[in-house]
Protein backbone atom coordinates (compact mmCIF):
# COMPACT_ATOMS: atom_id res chain seq x y z
CA MET A 1 -27.22 2.54 11.53
CA TRP A 2 -28.48 -0.75 10.14
CA THR A 3 -26.69 -4.08 10.15
CA LEU A 4 -26.11 -6.50 7.34
CA ALA A 5 -27.38 -9.34 9.52
CA ASP A 6 -30.80 -7.62 9.69
CA ALA A 7 -30.98 -7.42 5.92
CA LEU A 8 -30.11 -11.07 5.47
CA GLN A 9 -32.51 -12.24 8.17
CA ASN A 10 -35.41 -10.29 6.70
CA GLY A 11 -34.67 -11.50 3.20
CA ARG A 12 -34.20 -7.99 1.84
CA LEU A 13 -31.18 -8.92 -0.23
CA PRO A 14 -30.19 -12.18 -1.93
CA ARG A 15 -26.90 -13.67 -0.78
CA VAL A 16 -24.19 -13.33 -3.41
CA ASP A 17 -21.68 -16.05 -4.21
CA SER A 18 -17.97 -15.22 -4.42
CA ARG A 19 -17.35 -18.62 -6.00
CA ALA A 20 -19.14 -17.57 -9.17
CA LYS A 21 -17.16 -16.90 -12.35
CA THR A 22 -14.19 -14.77 -11.53
CA TRP A 23 -11.66 -13.01 -13.68
CA PRO A 24 -13.05 -12.06 -17.11
CA GLU A 25 -10.79 -12.37 -20.12
CA HIS A 26 -8.85 -9.34 -21.33
CA GLY A 27 -11.10 -6.74 -22.87
CA THR A 28 -14.42 -7.99 -21.47
CA PHE A 29 -14.47 -6.02 -18.21
CA ARG A 30 -16.76 -3.02 -18.74
CA PRO A 31 -17.74 -1.10 -15.59
CA ALA A 32 -20.81 1.07 -16.03
CA MET A 33 -20.08 4.34 -17.83
CA THR A 34 -21.54 7.17 -15.80
CA PRO A 35 -20.80 10.93 -15.54
CA MET A 36 -20.12 10.55 -11.82
CA PHE A 37 -21.22 8.37 -8.93
CA HIS A 38 -23.76 9.68 -6.41
CA ARG A 39 -22.91 7.26 -3.58
CA ILE A 40 -19.68 5.34 -2.95
CA PHE A 41 -19.29 2.52 -0.45
CA ILE A 42 -15.96 2.70 1.40
CA ALA A 43 -14.85 -0.86 2.08
CA ASN A 44 -12.13 0.04 4.55
CA ARG A 45 -11.62 1.61 7.95
CA GLY A 46 -9.67 4.20 9.91
CA GLU A 47 -7.35 6.58 8.14
CA ALA A 48 -8.00 5.00 4.73
CA ALA A 49 -11.75 5.46 5.04
CA VAL A 50 -11.40 9.07 6.17
CA ARG A 51 -9.02 9.79 3.28
CA VAL A 52 -11.40 8.38 0.66
CA ALA A 53 -14.38 10.20 2.19
CA ARG A 54 -12.54 13.51 1.97
CA SER A 55 -12.25 13.17 -1.80
CA CYS A 56 -15.87 12.02 -2.06
CA ASP A 57 -16.92 15.15 -0.20
CA ALA A 58 -14.86 17.28 -2.57
CA LEU A 59 -16.68 15.74 -5.54
CA GLY A 60 -20.15 16.09 -3.99
CA ILE A 61 -20.46 12.30 -3.65
CA THR A 62 -22.06 10.73 -0.57
CA PRO A 63 -19.61 8.32 1.11
CA VAL A 64 -21.09 5.34 2.96
CA PHE A 65 -18.78 3.88 5.61
CA ALA A 66 -18.39 0.18 6.32
CA VAL A 67 -17.69 -0.56 9.99
CA SER A 68 -17.11 -3.61 12.11
CA ASP A 69 -18.38 -3.88 15.66
CA ALA A 70 -15.00 -2.59 16.86
CA ASP A 71 -15.28 0.60 14.78
CA ALA A 72 -19.00 1.28 15.06
CA SER A 73 -18.71 3.84 17.86
CA SER A 74 -15.57 5.58 16.58
CA ALA A 75 -15.81 9.33 16.26
CA TYR A 76 -14.72 9.36 12.61
CA VAL A 77 -17.99 7.73 11.49
CA GLN A 78 -20.32 9.83 13.61
CA ASN A 79 -22.77 11.93 11.58
CA ARG A 80 -21.97 9.80 8.55
CA GLU A 81 -23.92 7.12 6.72
CA VAL A 82 -22.72 3.84 8.16
CA VAL A 83 -23.30 0.14 7.50
CA ARG A 84 -22.34 -2.28 10.23
CA LEU A 85 -20.77 -5.29 8.53
CA GLY A 86 -20.40 -7.62 11.47
CA PRO A 87 -17.93 -8.87 14.09
CA SER A 88 -14.69 -7.12 14.92
CA ARG A 89 -12.33 -9.57 13.30
CA ALA A 90 -11.57 -8.58 9.71
CA ALA A 91 -12.32 -12.05 8.35
CA HIS A 92 -15.95 -11.62 9.36
CA SER A 93 -16.30 -7.98 8.32
CA TYR A 94 -13.85 -6.05 6.11
CA LEU A 95 -12.55 -9.19 4.38
CA ASP A 96 -15.94 -10.83 3.80
CA MET A 97 -16.54 -10.18 0.11
CA GLU A 98 -20.22 -11.18 0.13
CA ARG A 99 -20.99 -8.96 3.11
CA VAL A 100 -19.29 -5.98 1.52
CA VAL A 101 -21.11 -6.33 -1.81
CA GLN A 102 -24.44 -6.88 -0.08
CA ALA A 103 -23.88 -3.82 2.09
CA ALA A 104 -23.04 -1.68 -0.94
CA LYS A 105 -26.17 -2.79 -2.80
CA GLN A 106 -28.41 -2.40 0.25
CA SER A 107 -27.15 1.16 0.79
CA ALA A 108 -27.81 2.07 -2.87
CA CYS A 109 -24.13 2.58 -3.72
CA THR A 110 -23.09 2.07 -7.33
CA ALA A 111 -19.35 1.96 -6.65
CA ILE A 112 -16.98 0.56 -4.02
CA HIS A 113 -13.65 2.11 -3.06
CA PRO A 114 -11.51 -0.52 -1.31
CA GLY A 115 -8.90 1.89 0.06
CA TRP A 116 -5.60 0.08 0.68
CA GLY A 117 -5.21 -3.27 2.37
CA PHE A 118 -8.11 -5.68 2.97
CA LEU A 119 -9.80 -6.41 -0.40
CA SER A 120 -8.05 -3.75 -2.47
CA GLU A 121 -5.89 -6.22 -4.43
CA ASN A 122 -8.33 -9.12 -4.62
CA PRO A 123 -9.33 -9.87 -8.25
CA ARG A 124 -12.17 -12.13 -7.13
CA PHE A 125 -13.67 -9.25 -5.21
CA ALA A 126 -13.30 -6.87 -8.16
CA SER A 127 -15.00 -9.43 -10.40
CA LEU A 128 -17.75 -10.02 -7.84
CA CYS A 129 -18.49 -6.30 -7.82
CA ALA A 130 -18.80 -6.30 -11.62
CA GLN A 131 -21.12 -9.30 -11.57
CA HIS A 132 -23.49 -7.41 -9.31
CA GLY A 133 -23.44 -4.14 -11.22
CA ILE A 134 -21.12 -2.28 -8.86
CA THR A 135 -18.07 -0.41 -10.11
CA PHE A 136 -14.87 -1.45 -8.38
CA ILE A 137 -12.66 1.62 -8.08
CA GLY A 138 -9.45 -0.01 -9.16
CA PRO A 139 -7.91 -1.90 -12.09
CA PRO A 140 -9.74 -4.62 -14.05
CA PRO A 141 -9.73 -8.08 -12.43
CA HIS A 142 -7.65 -9.69 -15.18
CA VAL A 143 -4.88 -7.11 -14.67
CA MET A 144 -4.97 -7.62 -10.90
CA GLN A 145 -4.68 -11.37 -11.48
CA LEU A 146 -1.73 -10.90 -13.86
CA MET A 147 0.21 -8.62 -11.52
CA GLY A 148 -0.74 -10.56 -8.39
CA LYS A 149 1.19 -13.58 -9.61
CA LYS A 150 4.85 -12.68 -9.56
CA THR A 151 6.05 -14.82 -12.47
CA PRO A 152 3.66 -13.55 -15.17
CA ALA A 153 4.06 -10.03 -13.80
CA LYS A 154 7.83 -10.16 -14.17
CA LYS A 155 7.54 -11.55 -17.70
CA ALA A 156 5.15 -8.76 -18.69
CA MET A 157 7.41 -6.09 -17.25
CA ALA A 158 10.51 -7.53 -18.90
CA ALA A 159 8.68 -7.53 -22.25
CA ALA A 160 7.91 -3.82 -21.69
CA GLY A 161 11.57 -2.95 -21.16
CA LEU A 162 12.02 -2.97 -17.39
CA THR A 163 15.13 -4.51 -15.81
CA LEU A 164 14.54 -7.54 -13.57
CA ILE A 165 16.39 -9.10 -10.65
CA PRO A 166 18.22 -12.27 -11.80
CA GLY A 167 16.45 -15.46 -10.74
CA SER A 168 14.32 -18.40 -11.79
CA GLU A 169 12.26 -18.28 -14.96
CA GLY A 170 8.94 -19.00 -13.34
CA VAL A 171 8.01 -21.02 -10.28
CA LEU A 172 10.33 -23.74 -9.02
CA LYS A 173 9.41 -27.37 -9.67
CA ASP A 174 10.89 -28.72 -6.46
CA ALA A 175 13.74 -28.32 -3.97
CA ALA A 176 16.28 -29.83 -6.37
CA HIS A 177 15.29 -27.31 -9.03
CA ALA A 178 15.65 -24.53 -6.46
CA ARG A 179 19.21 -25.59 -5.66
CA GLU A 180 20.08 -25.86 -9.35
CA VAL A 181 18.88 -22.31 -10.03
CA ALA A 182 20.50 -20.94 -6.87
CA ASP A 183 23.87 -22.45 -7.80
CA ALA A 184 23.60 -20.80 -11.23
CA VAL A 185 22.48 -17.38 -9.95
CA GLY A 186 24.95 -17.22 -7.09
CA TYR A 187 24.45 -16.78 -3.37
CA PRO A 188 22.78 -15.40 -1.37
CA VAL A 189 19.33 -16.05 -2.86
CA LEU A 190 15.79 -15.31 -1.78
CA LEU A 191 12.93 -17.83 -2.03
CA LYS A 192 9.64 -15.94 -2.45
CA ALA A 193 5.96 -16.89 -2.55
CA GLU A 194 4.40 -16.66 -6.01
CA SER A 195 1.25 -15.12 -4.49
CA GLY A 196 3.06 -13.40 -1.65
CA GLY A 197 3.22 -9.99 -0.08
CA GLY A 198 4.01 -8.25 3.19
CA GLY A 199 7.20 -10.23 3.72
CA ARG A 200 5.46 -13.59 4.16
CA GLY A 201 6.56 -16.71 2.31
CA MET A 202 10.16 -15.48 2.04
CA ARG A 203 13.35 -17.27 3.05
CA ILE A 204 17.06 -16.54 2.50
CA ALA A 205 19.63 -19.16 1.55
CA ARG A 206 23.28 -18.13 1.78
CA ALA A 207 24.77 -21.44 0.70
CA SER A 208 23.78 -24.50 -1.31
CA SER A 209 23.29 -26.48 1.88
CA GLU A 210 20.53 -24.07 3.03
CA VAL A 211 18.40 -24.09 -0.14
CA ILE A 212 16.27 -27.18 0.51
CA SER A 213 15.18 -26.13 4.00
CA ALA A 214 14.58 -22.54 2.82
CA PHE A 215 12.49 -23.84 -0.09
CA GLU A 216 10.38 -26.06 2.18
CA ASP A 217 9.87 -23.34 4.79
CA ALA A 218 8.89 -20.75 2.14
CA GLN A 219 6.45 -23.26 0.60
CA ALA A 220 4.81 -24.01 3.95
CA GLU A 221 4.40 -20.36 4.91
CA ALA A 222 3.13 -19.44 1.43
CA ALA A 223 0.51 -22.20 1.56
CA ALA A 224 -0.66 -21.11 5.01
CA ALA A 225 -0.73 -17.38 4.21
CA PHE A 226 -1.97 -17.34 0.61
CA GLY A 227 -3.35 -20.79 -0.15
CA ASP A 228 -0.65 -21.16 -2.83
CA SER A 229 2.54 -23.06 -2.02
CA ARG A 230 4.37 -22.15 -5.22
CA VAL A 231 7.63 -20.25 -4.83
CA TYR A 232 10.23 -18.71 -7.11
CA LEU A 233 13.81 -17.60 -6.58
CA GLU A 234 15.70 -14.34 -6.94
CA LYS A 235 19.25 -13.24 -6.36
CA LEU A 236 19.27 -11.50 -2.96
CA ILE A 237 20.49 -7.95 -3.47
CA GLU A 238 21.71 -6.82 -0.08
CA GLY A 239 22.37 -3.23 0.71
CA GLY A 240 19.92 -1.91 -1.87
CA ARG A 241 17.36 0.88 -1.76
CA HIS A 242 13.60 0.39 -2.15
CA ILE A 243 12.22 2.73 -4.82
CA GLU A 244 8.64 2.86 -6.12
CA ILE A 245 6.89 4.75 -8.90
CA GLN A 246 3.36 6.20 -8.66
CA LEU A 247 1.24 5.70 -11.77
CA MET A 248 -2.24 6.73 -12.91
CA ALA A 249 -4.04 5.38 -15.99
CA ASP A 250 -7.45 5.67 -17.61
CA ARG A 251 -9.32 3.20 -19.79
CA TYR A 252 -8.37 5.06 -22.97
CA GLY A 253 -4.69 4.13 -22.81
CA HIS A 254 -3.43 7.32 -21.18
CA VAL A 255 -0.82 6.74 -18.45
CA VAL A 256 1.14 9.24 -16.38
CA HIS A 257 3.69 8.83 -13.63
CA LEU A 258 3.99 11.13 -10.64
CA GLY A 259 7.64 10.54 -9.90
CA GLU A 260 9.30 8.09 -7.55
CA ARG A 261 9.34 7.53 -3.80
CA ASP A 262 12.17 6.15 -1.67
CA CYS A 263 10.79 3.66 0.87
CA THR A 264 14.06 2.19 2.11
CA VAL A 265 13.41 2.80 5.83
CA GLN A 266 11.61 -0.41 6.75
CA ARG A 267 11.22 -2.94 9.52
CA ASN A 268 10.45 -6.55 8.59
CA HIS A 269 9.50 -5.41 5.07
CA GLN A 270 7.02 -2.90 6.51
CA LYS A 271 7.64 0.71 5.48
CA LEU A 272 8.19 3.32 8.19
CA ILE A 273 9.29 6.47 6.31
CA GLU A 274 8.77 7.40 2.65
CA GLU A 275 10.16 10.35 0.75
CA SER A 276 10.30 11.86 -2.72
CA PRO A 277 12.40 12.35 -4.71
CA SER A 278 15.00 9.69 -3.97
CA ALA A 279 18.22 11.42 -3.01
CA VAL A 280 20.41 8.58 -4.31
CA LEU A 281 18.87 7.94 -7.73
CA ASP A 282 20.83 8.95 -10.82
CA GLU A 283 18.85 11.34 -13.01
CA LYS A 284 19.42 9.28 -16.16
CA GLU A 285 18.22 6.08 -14.46
CA ARG A 286 15.26 7.98 -12.99
CA THR A 287 14.13 9.27 -16.38
CA ARG A 288 14.64 5.91 -18.11
CA THR A 289 12.68 3.92 -15.54
CA LEU A 290 9.84 6.41 -15.10
CA GLU A 291 9.20 6.36 -18.83
CA ALA A 292 9.52 2.56 -19.04
CA ALA A 293 7.12 2.11 -16.11
CA ALA A 294 4.48 4.25 -17.83
CA ARG A 295 4.88 2.28 -21.06
CA ALA A 296 4.61 -1.03 -19.22
CA THR A 297 1.48 0.14 -17.41
CA ALA A 298 -0.19 1.05 -20.70
CA LYS A 299 0.88 -2.23 -22.31
CA ILE A 300 -0.94 -4.40 -19.75
CA GLY A 301 -4.18 -2.39 -20.02
CA TYR A 302 -4.00 -0.97 -16.53
CA VAL A 303 -6.71 1.38 -15.26
CA GLY A 304 -6.57 3.48 -12.08
CA ALA A 305 -3.82 4.08 -9.53
CA GLY A 306 -0.93 1.65 -9.25
CA THR A 307 2.59 1.47 -7.90
CA MET A 308 5.62 -0.30 -9.33
CA GLU A 309 8.28 -1.29 -6.82
CA PHE A 310 11.98 -1.53 -7.62
CA LEU A 311 15.24 -2.34 -5.88
CA LEU A 312 18.12 0.02 -6.58
CA ASP A 313 21.25 -2.17 -6.64
CA GLU A 314 24.87 -1.28 -5.96
CA THR A 315 25.42 -0.40 -9.64
CA GLY A 316 22.67 2.24 -9.58
CA THR A 317 20.27 0.10 -11.65
CA LEU A 318 16.56 -0.01 -10.79
CA ARG A 319 15.33 -3.60 -10.93
CA PHE A 320 11.60 -4.38 -11.02
CA MET A 321 10.21 -6.35 -8.05
CA GLU A 322 6.41 -6.16 -8.24
CA MET A 323 3.41 -3.99 -8.96
CA ASN A 324 0.84 -3.11 -6.32
CA THR A 325 -2.53 -2.80 -8.05
CA ARG A 326 -3.95 -0.22 -5.68
CA LEU A 327 -3.23 3.11 -4.08
CA GLN A 328 -0.43 2.92 -1.53
CA VAL A 329 -0.49 4.26 2.01
CA GLU A 330 2.28 6.66 1.00
CA HIS A 331 0.46 8.15 -2.01
CA THR A 332 0.31 11.34 0.04
CA VAL A 333 4.00 11.97 -0.67
CA SER A 334 3.27 12.14 -4.40
CA GLU A 335 0.18 14.26 -3.80
CA ILE A 336 1.88 16.95 -1.76
CA ARG A 337 4.69 17.29 -4.35
CA SER A 338 2.41 17.30 -7.41
CA GLY A 339 -0.71 19.03 -6.07
CA LYS A 340 -2.87 16.23 -7.53
CA ASP A 341 -5.61 14.44 -5.57
CA LEU A 342 -5.10 10.81 -6.52
CA VAL A 343 -8.30 9.56 -4.90
CA VAL A 344 -10.34 12.11 -6.86
CA GLU A 345 -8.56 10.92 -9.98
CA GLN A 346 -9.30 7.27 -9.13
CA ILE A 347 -12.99 8.05 -8.83
CA ARG A 348 -13.09 10.06 -12.04
CA VAL A 349 -11.33 7.34 -14.01
CA ALA A 350 -13.55 4.60 -12.58
CA ALA A 351 -16.60 6.59 -13.68
CA GLY A 352 -15.35 6.44 -17.27
CA ASN A 353 -13.63 9.80 -17.53
CA PRO A 354 -10.18 10.30 -19.07
CA LEU A 355 -7.32 11.48 -16.88
CA SER A 356 -7.74 15.13 -15.98
CA PHE A 357 -4.05 15.90 -16.52
CA THR A 358 -1.27 14.92 -18.90
CA GLN A 359 2.34 14.02 -18.17
CA THR A 360 3.49 17.54 -19.00
CA GLU A 361 1.09 18.89 -16.39
CA VAL A 362 2.68 16.83 -13.61
CA ASN A 363 5.47 18.95 -12.15
CA PRO A 364 6.48 17.68 -8.69
CA THR A 365 8.36 20.29 -6.69
CA GLY A 366 10.27 20.34 -3.43
CA HIS A 367 11.07 17.38 -1.20
CA ALA A 368 8.37 15.47 0.71
CA ILE A 369 8.54 13.01 3.60
CA GLU A 370 5.87 10.86 5.24
CA CYS A 371 6.08 9.18 8.65
CA ARG A 372 3.67 6.40 9.51
CA ILE A 373 2.75 6.71 13.17
CA ASN A 374 1.76 3.41 14.77
CA ALA A 375 0.38 2.57 18.19
CA GLU A 376 3.46 0.51 18.99
CA ASP A 377 6.23 0.70 21.54
CA PRO A 378 9.55 0.90 19.65
CA SER A 379 11.49 0.41 22.91
CA GLN A 380 9.75 -2.97 23.32
CA ASP A 381 10.57 -4.33 19.87
CA PHE A 382 7.61 -2.44 18.39
CA LYS A 383 5.05 -4.25 20.52
CA PRO A 384 1.48 -3.29 19.44
CA SER A 385 -0.26 -1.08 21.99
CA PRO A 386 -4.03 -1.23 21.72
CA GLY A 387 -5.93 0.90 24.20
CA VAL A 388 -7.64 4.25 24.71
CA ILE A 389 -5.95 7.44 23.52
CA THR A 390 -6.98 9.75 26.33
CA LYS A 391 -5.63 12.90 24.68
CA TRP A 392 -4.86 13.51 21.02
CA GLN A 393 -3.63 16.75 19.51
CA THR A 394 -1.81 17.50 16.25
CA PRO A 395 -0.29 20.70 14.86
CA ALA A 396 -2.28 22.87 12.45
CA GLN A 397 -1.94 21.82 8.83
CA VAL A 398 -0.26 24.16 6.37
CA ASP A 399 -1.18 23.80 2.70
CA GLY A 400 1.77 22.47 0.72
CA GLU A 401 4.00 22.19 3.80
CA LEU A 402 2.35 20.08 6.50
CA ARG A 403 -0.43 17.52 6.17
CA ILE A 404 -1.94 15.24 8.83
CA ASP A 405 -4.00 12.21 7.77
CA THR A 406 -5.69 10.50 10.69
CA HIS A 407 -8.97 9.12 12.00
CA VAL A 408 -7.98 9.56 15.64
CA SER A 409 -9.37 11.98 18.23
CA SER A 410 -9.26 12.12 22.01
CA GLY A 411 -11.06 9.12 23.47
CA TYR A 412 -10.39 6.90 20.45
CA GLU A 413 -9.79 3.26 21.33
CA VAL A 414 -7.11 1.55 19.25
CA PRO A 415 -8.53 -1.93 18.58
CA PRO A 416 -6.29 -5.03 18.67
CA PHE A 417 -7.76 -6.51 15.50
CA TYR A 418 -6.16 -4.43 12.75
CA ASP A 419 -3.01 -2.67 11.58
CA SER A 420 -1.74 -0.36 14.32
CA MET A 421 -1.26 2.77 12.17
CA ILE A 422 -3.09 5.72 13.70
CA CYS A 423 -1.72 8.68 11.77
CA LYS A 424 0.39 9.83 8.84
CA VAL A 425 2.38 13.04 9.01
CA ILE A 426 3.55 14.48 5.68
CA THR A 427 5.85 17.45 5.25
CA ARG A 428 7.29 19.23 2.23
CA GLY A 429 10.22 21.62 2.01
CA LYS A 430 12.36 23.28 -0.60
CA SER A 431 15.13 20.82 0.32
CA ARG A 432 15.40 17.43 2.01
CA ASP A 433 16.85 18.98 5.15
CA GLU A 434 14.02 21.49 5.36
CA ALA A 435 11.43 18.72 4.98
CA CYS A 436 13.20 16.71 7.71
CA ASP A 437 13.37 19.65 10.10
CA ARG A 438 9.73 20.47 9.47
CA MET A 439 8.81 16.84 10.17
CA ILE A 440 10.72 16.72 13.44
CA ASN A 441 9.02 19.90 14.64
CA ALA A 442 5.61 18.53 13.64
CA LEU A 443 6.19 15.21 15.41
CA LYS A 444 7.30 16.97 18.57
CA SER A 445 4.01 18.87 18.51
CA VAL A 446 1.86 15.75 18.40
CA VAL A 447 0.27 14.92 21.74
CA CYS A 448 -0.76 11.29 22.24
CA GLU A 449 -1.54 10.18 25.77
CA GLY A 450 -2.74 6.74 26.80
CA VAL A 451 -0.76 4.54 24.42
CA PRO A 452 2.88 4.57 23.26
CA THR A 453 3.61 5.42 19.62
CA THR A 454 6.51 5.22 17.19
CA ILE A 455 7.01 9.01 17.24
CA PRO A 456 10.23 8.84 19.35
CA MET A 457 11.73 6.41 16.84
CA HIS A 458 10.85 8.66 13.89
CA ILE A 459 12.40 11.70 15.55
CA GLN A 460 15.57 9.75 16.31
CA VAL A 461 15.84 8.43 12.74
CA LEU A 462 15.15 11.76 11.03
CA GLY A 463 17.81 13.49 13.10
CA SER A 464 20.44 10.79 12.70
CA ALA A 465 23.63 11.26 10.70
CA GLU A 466 22.89 8.05 8.78
CA PHE A 467 19.54 9.30 7.52
CA ARG A 468 20.65 12.85 6.78
CA SER A 469 23.67 11.68 4.80
CA ASN A 470 21.78 8.85 3.04
CA ARG A 471 24.15 6.21 4.44
CA TYR A 472 21.61 3.42 4.81
CA THR A 473 19.95 0.55 2.98
CA THR A 474 17.04 -1.84 3.55
CA ARG A 475 19.25 -3.87 5.91
CA ALA A 476 18.63 -1.68 8.96
CA ILE A 477 16.72 1.34 10.24
CA PRO A 478 19.14 4.30 10.09
CA GLY A 479 19.91 5.75 13.51
CA TRP A 480 17.82 3.13 15.34
CA PRO A 481 18.20 1.84 17.91
CA ALA A 482 19.91 4.93 19.22
CA LYS A 483 23.61 4.48 19.95
CA THR A 484 24.48 4.97 23.59
CA GLU A 485 27.88 6.05 24.76
CA ALA A 486 29.76 3.83 27.17
CA PRO A 487 29.79 5.18 30.74
CA ALA A 488 32.85 7.20 31.62
CA LYS A 489 35.44 5.37 33.67
CA SER A 490 35.99 6.76 37.14
């Protein structure tokens, strides 16, 4: 293992500048056309890195792992090519654009896969890769910039025929403008960061008297989190369902969708359980929106894997919220139903190849569910639980029925610096109930000693009447916390 600091100290690689020209104009971004990459730098960690490496292995491509000090001794990178980026904190390792590009060049990689999270949706990073002759495995920077800003993204999607959530036409000028729009739209309303994500920079106003403070609070949080204090306003649709559509596109204008996923089970805007297909979506609305999403994706010149997110309102209408310009954590749900390897497809498309399948060749079958297992204690308000996993054991995988994606093994130390997800369990059945039952059995077979996990919560939710009967919305986790009966009177 070599470190990036050694390379810089010895002058083996010039320092790159992320402040150089960024997003090229539409049509000027031309990654190198090559039959296939020989070496890909994985600019991520944990489960994401292991997932990308598996597809690299399948393609005969050498994956090179980026690691921070915290991950350098982890078992998942042993006997692999590894570059040590730097300190444990992400800001000085996985989020340092210059370090990542330098590491990729120094390790003779011609492409970078950003996984999900970290730099995966950063247009400056994608542009920086292009400037230094490295293919960014993802969409062009100008498309990432367009979809990363909520107002232009919504305008582009509306022009392509998607239905939007009522709200402001662009960013709000000031608090007075916010109140004017809110009064017109009707309460409750949601103030949202223009450059936001992950639930940050969001505030609810349920009456006119609350708008100014909500506007100011959303602005302050948006500025601190994203360096952009601009906010916009939407009608708050309460009691809705969170639906997203998986898309794949090549640079020749071909776009396919791989069905929808229902991601309604969330906590603080963070997804806990995802499934496909959605059991509450009308078939006519499903077909209309899937086709419109594919058309919209082609219209903006998208390339690679992407996900459009929608809110299903009380009328059964899917309303566009945003587009994530990367592969999602829950892409596995679409993979197990369709039999397609989306990471392989990402790599092929980035190398200049057309999509390897057409829309008619995508035939999702069965019902699939994914549970994100975190090192958190759900009985203690989901308190993160870093520490050593003294024993780790998972059930045997069954092709097409049970899949385990993880980077964990016995002795793994969960670091306190990153997201606490340690495993994803994905099941598929002929019916939703069969997929649920299979998931519960799989979760009960997981052995994790040393740190608490969210497995008990998942088992409780999956077995609850609310979840099984689809009587839930984004407002609360179905079946959690568990209802306890009052003690019998003596």
